PDB file of N, CA and C in Angstrom:
ATOM      1  N   MET A   1     -89.817 100.037 123.971  1.00  0.00           N
ATOM      2  CA  MET A   1     -90.866 100.408 123.041  1.00  0.00           C
ATOM      3  C   MET A   1     -92.201 100.445 123.779  1.00  0.00           C
ATOM      4  N   ALA A   2     -92.874 101.527 123.704  1.00  0.00           N
ATOM      5  CA  ALA A   2     -94.151 101.700 124.392  1.00  0.00           C
ATOM      6  C   ALA A   2     -95.257 100.977 123.644  1.00  0.00           C
ATOM      7  N   GLN A   3     -96.177 100.417 124.426  1.00  0.00           N
ATOM      8  CA  GLN A   3     -97.319  99.741 123.804  1.00  0.00           C
ATOM      9  C   GLN A   3     -98.378 100.763 123.431  1.00  0.00           C
ATOM     10  N   ALA A   4     -99.017 100.528 122.320  1.00  0.00           N
ATOM     11  CA  ALA A   4    -100.101 101.412 121.876  1.00  0.00           C
ATOM     12  C   ALA A   4    -101.297 101.211 122.797  1.00  0.00           C
ATOM     13  N   GLN A   5    -101.933 102.282 123.164  1.00  0.00           N
ATOM     14  CA  GLN A   5    -103.125 102.217 124.009  1.00  0.00           C
ATOM     15  C   GLN A   5    -104.339 101.907 123.153  1.00  0.00           C
ATOM     16  N   ARG A   6    -105.086 100.922 123.573  1.00  0.00           N
ATOM     17  CA  ARG A   6    -106.338 100.607 122.878  1.00  0.00           C
ATOM     18  C   ARG A   6    -107.461 101.413 123.490  1.00  0.00           C
ATOM     19  N   PRO A   7    -108.349 101.933 122.674  1.00  0.00           N
ATOM     20  CA  PRO A   7    -109.498 102.640 123.252  1.00  0.00           C
ATOM     21  C   PRO A   7    -110.331 101.665 124.077  1.00  0.00           C
ATOM     22  N   SER A   8    -110.849 102.149 125.195  1.00  0.00           N
ATOM     23  CA  SER A   8    -111.660 101.254 126.016  1.00  0.00           C
ATOM     24  C   SER A   8    -112.915 100.882 125.229  1.00  0.00           C
ATOM     25  N   GLN A   9    -113.173  99.598 125.195  1.00  0.00           N
ATOM     26  CA  GLN A   9    -114.321  99.105 124.431  1.00  0.00           C
ATOM     27  C   GLN A   9    -115.321  98.470 125.389  1.00  0.00           C
ATOM     28  N   GLN A  10    -116.557  98.783 125.189  1.00  0.00           N
ATOM     29  CA  GLN A  10    -117.617  98.133 125.930  1.00  0.00           C
ATOM     30  C   GLN A  10    -117.840  96.764 125.302  1.00  0.00           C
ATOM     31  N   PRO A  11    -117.992  95.719 126.130  1.00  0.00           N
ATOM     32  CA  PRO A  11    -118.316  94.425 125.540  1.00  0.00           C
ATOM     33  C   PRO A  11    -119.666  94.490 124.828  1.00  0.00           C
ATOM     34  N   ALA A  12    -119.763  93.793 123.718  1.00  0.00           N
ATOM     35  CA  ALA A  12    -121.029  93.769 122.974  1.00  0.00           C
ATOM     36  C   ALA A  12    -122.110  93.137 123.851  1.00  0.00           C
ATOM     37  N   GLN A  13    -123.306  93.698 123.811  1.00  0.00           N
ATOM     38  CA  GLN A  13    -124.408  93.155 124.588  1.00  0.00           C
ATOM     39  C   GLN A  13    -124.944  91.906 123.889  1.00  0.00           C
ATOM     40  N   LEU A  14    -125.080  90.846 124.643  1.00  0.00           N
ATOM     41  CA  LEU A  14    -125.560  89.571 124.115  1.00  0.00           C
ATOM     42  C   LEU A  14    -127.063  89.645 123.884  1.00  0.00           C
ATOM     43  N   GLN A  15    -127.477  89.275 122.692  1.00  0.00           N
ATOM     44  CA  GLN A  15    -128.895  89.195 122.371  1.00  0.00           C
ATOM     45  C   GLN A  15    -129.324  87.738 122.551  1.00  0.00           C
ATOM     46  N   LEU A  16    -130.165  87.495 123.515  1.00  0.00           N
ATOM     47  CA  LEU A  16    -130.626  86.151 123.820  1.00  0.00           C
ATOM     48  C   LEU A  16    -131.918  85.883 123.064  1.00  0.00           C
ATOM     49  N   GLU A  17    -131.940  84.834 122.284  1.00  0.00           N
ATOM     50  CA  GLU A  17    -133.117  84.499 121.486  1.00  0.00           C
ATOM     51  C   GLU A  17    -133.829  83.303 122.094  1.00  0.00           C
ATOM     52  N   LEU A  18    -135.109  83.460 122.362  1.00  0.00           N
ATOM     53  CA  LEU A  18    -135.929  82.356 122.835  1.00  0.00           C
ATOM     54  C   LEU A  18    -136.717  81.822 121.647  1.00  0.00           C
ATOM     55  N   PRO A  19    -136.527  80.549 121.309  1.00  0.00           N
ATOM     56  CA  PRO A  19    -137.250  79.999 120.163  1.00  0.00           C
ATOM     57  C   PRO A  19    -138.763  80.041 120.377  1.00  0.00           C
ATOM     58  N   PRO A  20    -139.535  80.282 119.318  1.00  0.00           N
ATOM     59  CA  PRO A  20    -140.993  80.263 119.444  1.00  0.00           C
ATOM     60  C   PRO A  20    -141.448  78.889 119.940  1.00  0.00           C
ATOM     61  N   GLY A  21    -142.387  78.881 120.834  1.00  0.00           N
ATOM     62  CA  GLY A  21    -142.922  77.617 121.331  1.00  0.00           C
ATOM     63  C   GLY A  21    -142.090  76.981 122.430  1.00  0.00           C
ATOM     64  N   LEU A  22    -141.032  77.658 122.886  1.00  0.00           N
ATOM     65  CA  LEU A  22    -140.209  77.103 123.952  1.00  0.00           C
ATOM     66  C   LEU A  22    -141.025  77.049 125.233  1.00  0.00           C
ATOM     67  N   ASP A  23    -141.151  75.870 125.799  1.00  0.00           N
ATOM     68  CA  ASP A  23    -141.882  75.705 127.043  1.00  0.00           C
ATOM     69  C   ASP A  23    -140.930  75.819 128.219  1.00  0.00           C
ATOM     70  N   ALA A  24    -141.312  76.588 129.230  1.00  0.00           N
ATOM     71  CA  ALA A  24    -140.539  76.651 130.463  1.00  0.00           C
ATOM     72  C   ALA A  24    -140.734  75.338 131.215  1.00  0.00           C
ATOM     73  N   THR A  25    -139.704  74.891 131.874  1.00  0.00           N
ATOM     74  CA  THR A  25    -139.777  73.668 132.662  1.00  0.00           C
ATOM     75  C   THR A  25    -139.633  74.026 134.125  1.00  0.00           C
ATOM     76  N   TYR A  26    -140.650  73.744 134.919  1.00  0.00           N
ATOM     77  CA  TYR A  26    -140.580  73.992 136.362  1.00  0.00           C
ATOM     78  C   TYR A  26    -139.812  72.848 136.998  1.00  0.00           C
ATOM     79  N   SER A  27    -138.916  73.180 137.910  1.00  0.00           N
ATOM     80  CA  SER A  27    -138.147  72.172 138.623  1.00  0.00           C
ATOM     81  C   SER A  27    -138.075  72.530 140.096  1.00  0.00           C
ATOM     82  N   ASN A  28    -138.292  71.532 140.949  1.00  0.00           N
ATOM     83  CA  ASN A  28    -138.112  71.729 142.382  1.00  0.00           C
ATOM     84  C   ASN A  28    -137.140  70.700 142.952  1.00  0.00           C
ATOM     85  N   PHE A  29    -136.372  70.073 142.049  1.00  0.00           N
ATOM     86  CA  PHE A  29    -135.437  69.025 142.450  1.00  0.00           C
ATOM     87  C   PHE A  29    -134.338  68.937 141.397  1.00  0.00           C
ATOM     88  N   VAL A  30    -133.107  68.806 141.832  1.00  0.00           N
ATOM     89  CA  VAL A  30    -132.006  68.654 140.894  1.00  0.00           C
ATOM     90  C   VAL A  30    -131.029  67.611 141.425  1.00  0.00           C
ATOM     91  N   VAL A  31    -130.569  66.759 140.531  1.00  0.00           N
ATOM     92  CA  VAL A  31    -129.517  65.792 140.844  1.00  0.00           C
ATOM     93  C   VAL A  31    -128.265  66.301 140.142  1.00  0.00           C
ATOM     94  N   ILE A  32    -127.181  66.442 140.912  1.00  0.00           N
ATOM     95  CA  ILE A  32    -125.939  66.978 140.365  1.00  0.00           C
ATOM     96  C   ILE A  32    -124.876  65.891 140.403  1.00  0.00           C
ATOM     97  N   GLN A  33    -124.269  65.654 139.250  1.00  0.00           N
ATOM     98  CA  GLN A  33    -123.181  64.690 139.120  1.00  0.00           C
ATOM     99  C   GLN A  33    -122.011  65.400 138.457  1.00  0.00           C
ATOM    100  N   HIS A  34    -120.835  64.814 138.567  1.00  0.00           N
ATOM    101  CA  HIS A  34    -119.691  65.419 137.883  1.00  0.00           C
ATOM    102  C   HIS A  34    -118.652  64.374 137.536  1.00  0.00           C
ATOM    103  N   SER A  35    -117.866  64.714 136.537  1.00  0.00           N
ATOM    104  CA  SER A  35    -116.695  63.951 136.132  1.00  0.00           C
ATOM    105  C   SER A  35    -115.540  64.945 136.157  1.00  0.00           C
ATOM    106  N   PRO A  36    -114.334  64.531 135.856  1.00  0.00           N
ATOM    107  CA  PRO A  36    -113.244  65.500 135.819  1.00  0.00           C
ATOM    108  C   PRO A  36    -113.458  66.598 134.777  1.00  0.00           C
ATOM    109  N   ALA A  37    -114.271  66.338 133.763  1.00  0.00           N
ATOM    110  CA  ALA A  37    -114.414  67.278 132.650  1.00  0.00           C
ATOM    111  C   ALA A  37    -115.694  68.097 132.655  1.00  0.00           C
ATOM    112  N   GLU A  38    -116.751  67.660 133.395  1.00  0.00           N
ATOM    113  CA  GLU A  38    -118.014  68.360 133.287  1.00  0.00           C
ATOM    114  C   GLU A  38    -118.918  68.104 134.487  1.00  0.00           C
ATOM    115  N   PHE A  39    -119.872  69.016 134.651  1.00  0.00           N
ATOM    116  CA  PHE A  39    -120.938  68.866 135.641  1.00  0.00           C
ATOM    117  C   PHE A  39    -122.216  68.564 134.887  1.00  0.00           C
ATOM    118  N   ILE A  40    -123.025  67.663 135.441  1.00  0.00           N
ATOM    119  CA  ILE A  40    -124.304  67.303 134.848  1.00  0.00           C
ATOM    120  C   ILE A  40    -125.387  67.627 135.866  1.00  0.00           C
ATOM    121  N   LEU A  41    -126.350  68.454 135.473  1.00  0.00           N
ATOM    122  CA  LEU A  41    -127.460  68.826 136.345  1.00  0.00           C
ATOM    123  C   LEU A  41    -128.745  68.307 135.710  1.00  0.00           C
ATOM    124  N   ASP A  42    -129.405  67.382 136.384  1.00  0.00           N
ATOM    125  CA  ASP A  42    -130.682  66.843 135.925  1.00  0.00           C
ATOM    126  C   ASP A  42    -131.794  67.477 136.757  1.00  0.00           C
ATOM    127  N   PHE A  43    -132.634  68.286 136.093  1.00  0.00           N
ATOM    128  CA  PHE A  43    -133.719  68.991 136.760  1.00  0.00           C
ATOM    129  C   PHE A  43    -135.010  68.193 136.620  1.00  0.00           C
ATOM    130  N   ALA A  44    -135.724  68.042 137.735  1.00  0.00           N
ATOM    131  CA  ALA A  44    -136.975  67.288 137.741  1.00  0.00           C
ATOM    132  C   ALA A  44    -137.987  68.005 138.629  1.00  0.00           C
ATOM    133  N   ARG A  45    -139.205  67.530 138.560  1.00  0.00           N
ATOM    134  CA  ARG A  45    -140.280  68.039 139.406  1.00  0.00           C
ATOM    135  C   ARG A  45    -140.771  66.851 140.211  1.00  0.00           C
ATOM    136  N   ILE A  46    -140.746  66.992 141.535  1.00  0.00           N
ATOM    137  CA  ILE A  46    -141.258  65.912 142.376  1.00  0.00           C
ATOM    138  C   ILE A  46    -142.524  66.395 143.073  1.00  0.00           C
ATOM    139  N   MET A  47    -143.393  65.457 143.330  1.00  0.00           N
ATOM    140  CA  MET A  47    -144.678  65.765 143.946  1.00  0.00           C
ATOM    141  C   MET A  47    -144.761  65.034 145.286  1.00  0.00           C
ATOM    142  N   PRO A  48    -145.508  65.589 146.243  1.00  0.00           N
ATOM    143  CA  PRO A  48    -145.646  64.926 147.544  1.00  0.00           C
ATOM    144  C   PRO A  48    -146.188  63.508 147.396  1.00  0.00           C
ATOM    145  N   ASN A  49    -145.606  62.607 148.148  1.00  0.00           N
ATOM    146  CA  ASN A  49    -146.051  61.210 148.236  1.00  0.00           C
ATOM    147  C   ASN A  49    -145.960  60.446 146.924  1.00  0.00           C
ATOM    148  N   VAL A  50    -145.131  60.902 145.996  1.00  0.00           N
ATOM    149  CA  VAL A  50    -144.889  60.192 144.742  1.00  0.00           C
ATOM    150  C   VAL A  50    -143.436  59.750 144.758  1.00  0.00           C
ATOM    151  N   THR A  51    -143.189  58.501 144.394  1.00  0.00           N
ATOM    152  CA  THR A  51    -141.843  57.937 144.554  1.00  0.00           C
ATOM    153  C   THR A  51    -140.986  57.997 143.295  1.00  0.00           C
ATOM    154  N   SER A  52    -141.471  58.647 142.244  1.00  0.00           N
ATOM    155  CA  SER A  52    -140.659  58.757 141.033  1.00  0.00           C
ATOM    156  C   SER A  52    -140.812  60.153 140.444  1.00  0.00           C
ATOM    157  N   ALA A  53    -139.832  60.514 139.630  1.00  0.00           N
ATOM    158  CA  ALA A  53    -139.867  61.814 138.963  1.00  0.00           C
ATOM    159  C   ALA A  53    -139.169  61.681 137.626  1.00  0.00           C
ATOM    160  N   ARG A  54    -139.644  62.415 136.635  1.00  0.00           N
ATOM    161  CA  ARG A  54    -139.042  62.401 135.305  1.00  0.00           C
ATOM    162  C   ARG A  54    -138.185  63.642 135.137  1.00  0.00           C
ATOM    163  N   VAL A  55    -136.988  63.455 134.599  1.00  0.00           N
ATOM    164  CA  VAL A  55    -136.103  64.584 134.332  1.00  0.00           C
ATOM    165  C   VAL A  55    -136.715  65.415 133.216  1.00  0.00           C
ATOM    166  N   GLY A  56    -136.865  66.730 133.461  1.00  0.00           N
ATOM    167  CA  GLY A  56    -137.438  67.627 132.469  1.00  0.00           C
ATOM    168  C   GLY A  56    -136.387  68.352 131.658  1.00  0.00           C
ATOM    169  N   ALA A  57    -135.183  68.462 132.223  1.00  0.00           N
ATOM    170  CA  ALA A  57    -134.097  69.151 131.518  1.00  0.00           C
ATOM    171  C   ALA A  57    -132.760  68.661 132.078  1.00  0.00           C
ATOM    172  N   ARG A  58    -131.801  68.492 131.203  1.00  0.00           N
ATOM    173  CA  ARG A  58    -130.431  68.131 131.591  1.00  0.00           C
ATOM    174  C   ARG A  58    -129.508  69.220 131.077  1.00  0.00           C
ATOM    175  N   VAL A  59    -128.678  69.737 131.968  1.00  0.00           N
ATOM    176  CA  VAL A  59    -127.696  70.755 131.601  1.00  0.00           C
ATOM    177  C   VAL A  59    -126.318  70.186 131.885  1.00  0.00           C
ATOM    178  N   VAL A  60    -125.461  70.222 130.870  1.00  0.00           N
ATOM    179  CA  VAL A  60    -124.085  69.752 131.002  1.00  0.00           C
ATOM    180  C   VAL A  60    -123.185  70.962 130.789  1.00  0.00           C
ATOM    181  N   CYS A  61    -122.235  71.172 131.706  1.00  0.00           N
ATOM    182  CA  CYS A  61    -121.349  72.324 131.571  1.00  0.00           C
ATOM    183  C   CYS A  61    -119.965  72.011 132.118  1.00  0.00           C
ATOM    184  N   ALA A  62    -119.017  72.823 131.704  1.00  0.00           N
ATOM    185  CA  ALA A  62    -117.639  72.697 132.162  1.00  0.00           C
ATOM    186  C   ALA A  62    -117.556  73.104 133.636  1.00  0.00           C
ATOM    187  N   PRO A  63    -116.578  72.583 134.378  1.00  0.00           N
ATOM    188  CA  PRO A  63    -116.441  72.956 135.790  1.00  0.00           C
ATOM    189  C   PRO A  63    -116.360  74.466 136.015  1.00  0.00           C
ATOM    190  N   MET A  64    -115.651  75.185 135.169  1.00  0.00           N
ATOM    191  CA  MET A  64    -115.565  76.630 135.332  1.00  0.00           C
ATOM    192  C   MET A  64    -116.950  77.266 135.204  1.00  0.00           C
ATOM    193  N   HIS A  65    -117.751  76.806 134.249  1.00  0.00           N
ATOM    194  CA  HIS A  65    -119.087  77.363 134.074  1.00  0.00           C
ATOM    195  C   HIS A  65    -119.983  77.012 135.265  1.00  0.00           C
ATOM    196  N   ALA A  66    -119.806  75.825 135.838  1.00  0.00           N
ATOM    197  CA  ALA A  66    -120.575  75.458 137.034  1.00  0.00           C
ATOM    198  C   ALA A  66    -120.236  76.411 138.183  1.00  0.00           C
ATOM    199  N   LYS A  67    -118.960  76.723 138.336  1.00  0.00           N
ATOM    200  CA  LYS A  67    -118.556  77.634 139.403  1.00  0.00           C
ATOM    201  C   LYS A  67    -119.071  79.050 139.150  1.00  0.00           C
ATOM    202  N   LEU A  68    -119.056  79.489 137.897  1.00  0.00           N
ATOM    203  CA  LEU A  68    -119.611  80.799 137.561  1.00  0.00           C
ATOM    204  C   LEU A  68    -121.128  80.827 137.782  1.00  0.00           C
ATOM    205  N   LEU A  69    -121.813  79.718 137.502  1.00  0.00           N
ATOM    206  CA  LEU A  69    -123.252  79.620 137.771  1.00  0.00           C
ATOM    207  C   LEU A  69    -123.503  79.745 139.265  1.00  0.00           C
ATOM    208  N   LEU A  70    -122.703  79.065 140.066  1.00  0.00           N
ATOM    209  CA  LEU A  70    -122.826  79.163 141.516  1.00  0.00           C
ATOM    210  C   LEU A  70    -122.683  80.613 141.971  1.00  0.00           C
ATOM    211  N   ARG A  71    -121.683  81.312 141.436  1.00  0.00           N
ATOM    212  CA  ARG A  71    -121.467  82.719 141.792  1.00  0.00           C
ATOM    213  C   ARG A  71    -122.657  83.581 141.362  1.00  0.00           C
ATOM    214  N   ALA A  72    -123.150  83.366 140.150  1.00  0.00           N
ATOM    215  CA  ALA A  72    -124.278  84.155 139.653  1.00  0.00           C
ATOM    216  C   ALA A  72    -125.538  83.897 140.487  1.00  0.00           C
ATOM    217  N   LEU A  73    -125.779  82.640 140.859  1.00  0.00           N
ATOM    218  CA  LEU A  73    -126.937  82.332 141.701  1.00  0.00           C
ATOM    219  C   LEU A  73    -126.808  83.009 143.060  1.00  0.00           C
ATOM    220  N   GLN A  74    -125.602  82.964 143.651  1.00  0.00           N
ATOM    221  CA  GLN A  74    -125.397  83.589 144.958  1.00  0.00           C
ATOM    222  C   GLN A  74    -125.663  85.087 144.895  1.00  0.00           C
ATOM    223  N   GLU A  75    -125.133  85.732 143.867  1.00  0.00           N
ATOM    224  CA  GLU A  75    -125.349  87.176 143.711  1.00  0.00           C
ATOM    225  C   GLU A  75    -126.833  87.497 143.549  1.00  0.00           C
ATOM    226  N   ASN A  76    -127.543  86.693 142.773  1.00  0.00           N
ATOM    227  CA  ASN A  76    -128.965  86.944 142.546  1.00  0.00           C
ATOM    228  C   ASN A  76    -129.800  86.634 143.784  1.00  0.00           C
ATOM    229  N   ILE A  77    -129.426  85.622 144.551  1.00  0.00           N
ATOM    230  CA  ILE A  77    -130.131  85.331 145.802  1.00  0.00           C
ATOM    231  C   ILE A  77    -129.947  86.493 146.770  1.00  0.00           C
ATOM    232  N   GLU A  78    -128.738  87.039 146.846  1.00  0.00           N
ATOM    233  CA  GLU A  78    -128.495  88.189 147.721  1.00  0.00           C
ATOM    234  C   GLU A  78    -129.348  89.384 147.307  1.00  0.00           C
ATOM    235  N   ARG A  79    -129.460  89.642 145.996  1.00  0.00           N
ATOM    236  CA  ARG A  79    -130.306  90.738 145.514  1.00  0.00           C
ATOM    237  C   ARG A  79    -131.780  90.488 145.834  1.00  0.00           C
ATOM    238  N   PHE A  80    -132.224  89.248 145.616  1.00  0.00           N
ATOM    239  CA  PHE A  80    -133.609  88.875 145.903  1.00  0.00           C
ATOM    240  C   PHE A  80    -133.916  89.108 147.374  1.00  0.00           C
ATOM    241  N   GLU A  81    -133.036  88.606 148.263  1.00  0.00           N
ATOM    242  CA  GLU A  81    -133.284  88.745 149.698  1.00  0.00           C
ATOM    243  C   GLU A  81    -133.225  90.198 150.151  1.00  0.00           C
ATOM    244  N   ALA A  82    -132.386  91.006 149.519  1.00  0.00           N
ATOM    245  CA  ALA A  82    -132.346  92.433 149.842  1.00  0.00           C
ATOM    246  C   ALA A  82    -133.676  93.093 149.487  1.00  0.00           C
ATOM    247  N   ALA A  83    -134.300  92.651 148.413  1.00  0.00           N
ATOM    248  CA  ALA A  83    -135.562  93.239 147.963  1.00  0.00           C
ATOM    249  C   ALA A  83    -136.781  92.645 148.673  1.00  0.00           C
ATOM    250  N   TYR A  84    -136.769  91.336 148.940  1.00  0.00           N
ATOM    251  CA  TYR A  84    -137.980  90.652 149.401  1.00  0.00           C
ATOM    252  C   TYR A  84    -137.863  89.979 150.759  1.00  0.00           C
ATOM    253  N   GLY A  85    -136.689  89.960 151.357  1.00  0.00           N
ATOM    254  CA  GLY A  85    -136.511  89.303 152.652  1.00  0.00           C
ATOM    255  C   GLY A  85    -135.852  87.940 152.500  1.00  0.00           C
ATOM    256  N   THR A  86    -135.444  87.406 153.622  1.00  0.00           N
ATOM    257  CA  THR A  86    -134.710  86.143 153.663  1.00  0.00           C
ATOM    258  C   THR A  86    -135.564  84.986 153.145  1.00  0.00           C
ATOM    259  N   ILE A  87    -134.971  84.152 152.335  1.00  0.00           N
ATOM    260  CA  ILE A  87    -135.626  82.941 151.833  1.00  0.00           C
ATOM    261  C   ILE A  87    -135.526  81.885 152.927  1.00  0.00           C
ATOM    262  N   TYR A  88    -136.661  81.353 153.347  1.00  0.00           N
ATOM    263  CA  TYR A  88    -136.683  80.334 154.391  1.00  0.00           C
ATOM    264  C   TYR A  88    -136.326  78.971 153.813  1.00  0.00           C
ATOM    265  N   VAL A  89    -135.378  78.306 154.450  1.00  0.00           N
ATOM    266  CA  VAL A  89    -135.020  76.932 154.112  1.00  0.00           C
ATOM    267  C   VAL A  89    -135.075  76.134 155.409  1.00  0.00           C
ATOM    268  N   PRO A  90    -135.876  75.048 155.463  1.00  0.00           N
ATOM    269  CA  PRO A  90    -135.969  74.258 156.697  1.00  0.00           C
ATOM    270  C   PRO A  90    -134.597  73.744 157.119  1.00  0.00           C
ATOM    271  N   GLN A  91    -134.399  73.651 158.429  1.00  0.00           N
ATOM    272  CA  GLN A  91    -133.165  73.077 158.953  1.00  0.00           C
ATOM    273  C   GLN A  91    -133.227  71.569 158.794  1.00  0.00           C
ATOM    274  N   GLN A  92    -132.129  70.984 158.333  1.00  0.00           N
ATOM    275  CA  GLN A  92    -132.114  69.539 158.118  1.00  0.00           C
ATOM    276  C   GLN A  92    -131.872  68.841 159.444  1.00  0.00           C
ATOM    277  N   GLY A  93    -132.799  67.997 159.833  1.00  0.00           N
ATOM    278  CA  GLY A  93    -132.678  67.227 161.066  1.00  0.00           C
ATOM    279  C   GLY A  93    -132.431  65.769 160.731  1.00  0.00           C
ATOM    280  N   GLY A  94    -133.197  64.894 161.368  1.00  0.00           N
ATOM    281  CA  GLY A  94    -133.029  63.466 161.155  1.00  0.00           C
ATOM    282  C   GLY A  94    -133.498  62.988 159.796  1.00  0.00           C
ATOM    283  N   GLU A  95    -134.499  63.666 159.225  1.00  0.00           N
ATOM    284  CA  GLU A  95    -134.993  63.232 157.920  1.00  0.00           C
ATOM    285  C   GLU A  95    -134.413  64.116 156.816  1.00  0.00           C
ATOM    286  N   SER A  96    -134.475  63.641 155.599  1.00  0.00           N
ATOM    287  CA  SER A  96    -133.892  64.391 154.485  1.00  0.00           C
ATOM    288  C   SER A  96    -134.700  65.652 154.198  1.00  0.00           C
ATOM    289  N   LEU A  97    -134.032  66.629 153.619  1.00  0.00           N
ATOM    290  CA  LEU A  97    -134.701  67.879 153.255  1.00  0.00           C
ATOM    291  C   LEU A  97    -135.843  67.602 152.284  1.00  0.00           C
ATOM    292  N   THR A  98    -135.635  66.674 151.347  1.00  0.00           N
ATOM    293  CA  THR A  98    -136.690  66.315 150.396  1.00  0.00           C
ATOM    294  C   THR A  98    -137.916  65.787 151.131  1.00  0.00           C
ATOM    295  N   SER A  99    -137.709  64.925 152.138  1.00  0.00           N
ATOM    296  CA  SER A  99    -138.839  64.399 152.909  1.00  0.00           C
ATOM    297  C   SER A  99    -139.543  65.503 153.683  1.00  0.00           C
ATOM    298  N   GLN A 100    -138.763  66.453 154.224  1.00  0.00           N
ATOM    299  CA  GLN A 100    -139.365  67.558 154.961  1.00  0.00           C
ATOM    300  C   GLN A 100    -140.254  68.401 154.054  1.00  0.00           C
ATOM    301  N   LEU A 101    -139.784  68.648 152.819  1.00  0.00           N
ATOM    302  CA  LEU A 101    -140.523  69.520 151.915  1.00  0.00           C
ATOM    303  C   LEU A 101    -141.679  68.816 151.222  1.00  0.00           C
ATOM    304  N   PHE A 102    -141.509  67.546 150.870  1.00  0.00           N
ATOM    305  CA  PHE A 102    -142.480  66.872 150.011  1.00  0.00           C
ATOM    306  C   PHE A 102    -143.120  65.640 150.635  1.00  0.00           C
ATOM    307  N   GLY A 103    -142.690  65.240 151.811  1.00  0.00           N
ATOM    308  CA  GLY A 103    -143.251  64.060 152.453  1.00  0.00           C
ATOM    309  C   GLY A 103    -142.674  62.797 151.846  1.00  0.00           C
ATOM    310  N   GLY A 104    -142.909  61.709 152.505  1.00  0.00           N
ATOM    311  CA  GLY A 104    -142.429  60.418 152.014  1.00  0.00           C
ATOM    312  C   GLY A 104    -143.575  59.631 151.427  1.00  0.00           C
ATOM    313  N   PRO A 105    -143.267  58.462 150.876  1.00  0.00           N
ATOM    314  CA  PRO A 105    -144.335  57.624 150.327  1.00  0.00           C
ATOM    315  C   PRO A 105    -145.306  57.175 151.422  1.00  0.00           C
ATOM    316  N   GLN A 106    -146.579  57.105 151.091  1.00  0.00           N
ATOM    317  CA  GLN A 106    -147.589  56.636 152.036  1.00  0.00           C
ATOM    318  C   GLN A 106    -147.468  55.134 152.175  1.00  0.00           C
ATOM    319  N   ALA A 107    -147.573  54.637 153.397  1.00  0.00           N
ATOM    320  CA  ALA A 107    -147.498  53.188 153.635  1.00  0.00           C
ATOM    321  C   ALA A 107    -148.837  52.546 153.394  1.00  0.00           C
TER     322      ALA A 107
END
């Protein structure tokens, strides 16, 4: 018995709604944790020579969604670099990347 052919359907376009008054949160630091069931990303903003930071946003997602996010970020970074040039990231030496970018606490 032959299967009926379904007409090709375009996926519906997602309408993304931003609530009025939604504030964007700038982040230059993220702590990533995981359990067998989910990934937790805590986004914060750190300042030079300051030893603490407050989490501005927490995102919890399934492992599959974390992997899809990784893929989407990689694709977008490649597009960005094709348009604007390579993004410079300092080489990690003896000190941590965070210390290289933001400095350590003043003695």
